Amino acid sequence: MGLTLVRRGMAWVYDRYVTDRGLYLIQEEAKAAKRGLWADTEPMPPWEWRHRGKTTDSETREKQ
């Protein structure tokens, strides 16, 4: 299933968990074809999206 998602441009290859290095080539092909999320001019990795707007405990204390 991961292969299909990457091929369709619906998933990123996540370095931490990748076991099939061939997925990087598939991802590059999806990027070149501008499939799925790669159609966006500035796609944001999900790990960055999840952390946007969040602050650390020390940043929160500094604002108080």
N, C-alpha and C. Protein backbone atom coordinates (compact mmCIF):
# COMPACT_ATOMS: atom_id res chain seq x y z
N MET A 1 0.82 -1.19 0.00
CA MET A 1 0.00 0.00 0.00
C MET A 1 0.87 1.26 0.00
N GLY A 2 1.95 1.29 0.74
CA GLY A 2 2.83 2.45 0.77
C GLY A 2 3.35 2.82 -0.60
N LEU A 3 3.71 1.81 -1.36
CA LEU A 3 4.20 2.03 -2.73
C LEU A 3 3.15 2.75 -3.56
N THR A 4 1.91 2.29 -3.49
CA THR A 4 0.83 2.89 -4.26
C THR A 4 0.61 4.34 -3.85
N LEU A 5 0.63 4.62 -2.56
CA LEU A 5 0.44 5.98 -2.09
C LEU A 5 1.55 6.91 -2.56
N VAL A 6 2.77 6.45 -2.49
CA VAL A 6 3.90 7.26 -2.95
C VAL A 6 3.82 7.47 -4.46
N ARG A 7 3.51 6.43 -5.19
CA ARG A 7 3.40 6.52 -6.66
C ARG A 7 2.34 7.53 -7.08
N ARG A 8 1.24 7.57 -6.34
CA ARG A 8 0.14 8.49 -6.67
C ARG A 8 0.37 9.90 -6.14
N GLY A 9 1.47 10.09 -5.42
CA GLY A 9 1.76 11.40 -4.86
C GLY A 9 0.90 11.72 -3.65
N MET A 10 0.48 10.69 -2.95
CA MET A 10 -0.40 10.88 -1.80
C MET A 10 0.32 10.63 -0.47
N ALA A 11 1.62 10.38 -0.53
CA ALA A 11 2.39 10.14 0.69
C ALA A 11 3.85 10.52 0.45
N TRP A 12 4.49 10.93 1.51
CA TRP A 12 5.92 11.22 1.49
C TRP A 12 6.68 9.98 1.94
N VAL A 13 7.88 9.83 1.44
CA VAL A 13 8.78 8.80 1.96
C VAL A 13 9.41 9.41 3.21
N TYR A 14 9.22 8.76 4.33
CA TYR A 14 9.70 9.27 5.61
C TYR A 14 11.00 8.54 5.96
N ASP A 15 12.09 9.30 5.96
CA ASP A 15 13.43 8.73 6.15
C ASP A 15 13.54 7.83 7.37
N ARG A 16 12.90 8.20 8.44
CA ARG A 16 13.05 7.46 9.69
C ARG A 16 12.54 6.02 9.60
N TYR A 17 11.50 5.81 8.78
CA TYR A 17 10.87 4.50 8.76
C TYR A 17 10.99 3.75 7.43
N VAL A 18 11.61 4.35 6.44
CA VAL A 18 11.68 3.70 5.12
C VAL A 18 12.54 2.44 5.19
N THR A 19 12.02 1.37 4.63
CA THR A 19 12.79 0.13 4.54
C THR A 19 13.09 -0.21 3.09
N ASP A 20 12.30 0.33 2.18
CA ASP A 20 12.48 0.09 0.74
C ASP A 20 13.03 1.36 0.10
N ARG A 21 14.34 1.38 -0.12
CA ARG A 21 14.99 2.56 -0.69
C ARG A 21 14.50 2.88 -2.09
N GLY A 22 13.88 1.93 -2.76
CA GLY A 22 13.32 2.16 -4.09
C GLY A 22 12.17 3.16 -4.07
N LEU A 23 11.59 3.38 -2.90
CA LEU A 23 10.50 4.34 -2.78
C LEU A 23 10.96 5.76 -3.12
N TYR A 24 12.23 6.04 -2.88
CA TYR A 24 12.74 7.38 -3.22
C TYR A 24 12.65 7.65 -4.72
N LEU A 25 12.96 6.66 -5.53
CA LEU A 25 12.86 6.80 -6.98
C LEU A 25 11.40 7.00 -7.38
N ILE A 26 10.50 6.23 -6.80
CA ILE A 26 9.07 6.36 -7.08
C ILE A 26 8.59 7.76 -6.70
N GLN A 27 9.05 8.25 -5.56
CA GLN A 27 8.68 9.61 -5.12
C GLN A 27 9.18 10.65 -6.10
N GLU A 28 10.40 10.50 -6.57
CA GLU A 28 10.95 11.46 -7.54
C GLU A 28 10.15 11.44 -8.84
N GLU A 29 9.70 10.27 -9.25
CA GLU A 29 8.86 10.17 -10.45
C GLU A 29 7.52 10.89 -10.23
N ALA A 30 6.93 10.73 -9.05
CA ALA A 30 5.68 11.42 -8.74
C ALA A 30 5.87 12.93 -8.71
N LYS A 31 7.00 13.37 -8.16
CA LYS A 31 7.30 14.80 -8.15
C LYS A 31 7.42 15.34 -9.57
N ALA A 32 8.18 14.63 -10.39
CA ALA A 32 8.39 15.08 -11.77
C ALA A 32 7.07 15.16 -12.54
N ALA A 33 6.16 14.25 -12.25
CA ALA A 33 4.87 14.22 -12.93
C ALA A 33 3.84 15.14 -12.25
N LYS A 34 4.24 15.75 -11.12
CA LYS A 34 3.36 16.64 -10.36
C LYS A 34 2.05 15.96 -9.98
N ARG A 35 2.19 14.72 -9.50
CA ARG A 35 1.02 13.96 -9.06
C ARG A 35 0.72 14.24 -7.59
N GLY A 36 -0.56 14.26 -7.27
CA GLY A 36 -0.99 14.39 -5.88
C GLY A 36 -0.44 15.63 -5.21
N LEU A 37 0.16 15.45 -4.05
CA LEU A 37 0.66 16.59 -3.29
C LEU A 37 1.77 17.33 -4.01
N TRP A 38 2.41 16.69 -4.96
CA TRP A 38 3.50 17.34 -5.70
C TRP A 38 2.99 18.34 -6.73
N ALA A 39 1.67 18.42 -6.91
CA ALA A 39 1.10 19.44 -7.79
C ALA A 39 1.17 20.81 -7.12
N ASP A 40 1.27 20.82 -5.80
CA ASP A 40 1.39 22.07 -5.04
C ASP A 40 2.77 22.66 -5.29
N THR A 41 2.84 23.99 -5.41
CA THR A 41 4.14 24.62 -5.66
C THR A 41 5.05 24.58 -4.44
N GLU A 42 4.45 24.51 -3.23
CA GLU A 42 5.25 24.44 -2.00
C GLU A 42 4.63 23.43 -1.03
N PRO A 43 4.73 22.15 -1.35
CA PRO A 43 4.13 21.15 -0.44
C PRO A 43 4.84 21.16 0.91
N MET A 44 4.07 20.97 1.97
CA MET A 44 4.63 20.96 3.32
C MET A 44 4.64 19.53 3.85
N PRO A 45 5.79 19.05 4.26
CA PRO A 45 5.84 17.69 4.83
C PRO A 45 4.89 17.57 6.01
N PRO A 46 4.25 16.43 6.17
CA PRO A 46 3.29 16.27 7.27
C PRO A 46 3.91 16.49 8.65
N TRP A 47 5.17 16.12 8.84
CA TRP A 47 5.80 16.30 10.14
C TRP A 47 6.00 17.79 10.43
N GLU A 48 6.15 18.64 9.41
CA GLU A 48 6.21 20.09 9.64
C GLU A 48 4.81 20.65 9.88
N TRP A 49 3.83 20.17 9.13
CA TRP A 49 2.46 20.64 9.29
C TRP A 49 1.94 20.39 10.69
N ARG A 50 2.24 19.20 11.21
CA ARG A 50 1.78 18.84 12.56
C ARG A 50 2.37 19.75 13.62
N HIS A 51 3.57 20.26 13.40
CA HIS A 51 4.25 21.06 14.41
C HIS A 51 4.11 22.56 14.20
N ARG A 52 3.46 22.98 13.14
CA ARG A 52 3.33 24.42 12.90
C ARG A 52 2.43 25.03 13.98
N GLY A 53 2.82 26.18 14.42
CA GLY A 53 2.02 26.88 15.42
C GLY A 53 2.20 26.38 16.83
N LYS A 54 2.87 25.26 16.99
CA LYS A 54 3.10 24.76 18.35
C LYS A 54 4.33 25.46 18.93
N THR A 55 4.31 25.67 20.21
CA THR A 55 5.46 26.27 20.87
C THR A 55 5.99 25.30 21.91
N THR A 56 7.24 25.48 22.23
CA THR A 56 7.83 24.64 23.28
C THR A 56 7.43 25.19 24.63
N ASP A 57 7.62 24.44 25.68
CA ASP A 57 7.29 24.90 27.03
C ASP A 57 8.06 26.17 27.38
N SER A 58 9.33 26.25 26.99
CA SER A 58 10.12 27.44 27.32
C SER A 58 9.62 28.66 26.57
N GLU A 59 9.18 28.49 25.32
CA GLU A 59 8.62 29.61 24.56
C GLU A 59 7.31 30.09 25.19
N THR A 60 6.52 29.15 25.68
CA THR A 60 5.25 29.50 26.33
C THR A 60 5.52 30.31 27.60
N ARG A 61 6.49 29.88 28.39
CA ARG A 61 6.83 30.59 29.63
C ARG A 61 7.34 32.00 29.33
N GLU A 62 8.13 32.16 28.25
CA GLU A 62 8.67 33.47 27.90
C GLU A 62 7.57 34.45 27.52
N LYS A 63 6.48 33.97 26.96
CA LYS A 63 5.39 34.84 26.54
C LYS A 63 4.51 35.29 27.70
N GLN A 64 4.61 34.59 28.84
CA GLN A 64 3.74 34.91 29.99
C GLN A 64 4.27 36.06 30.77
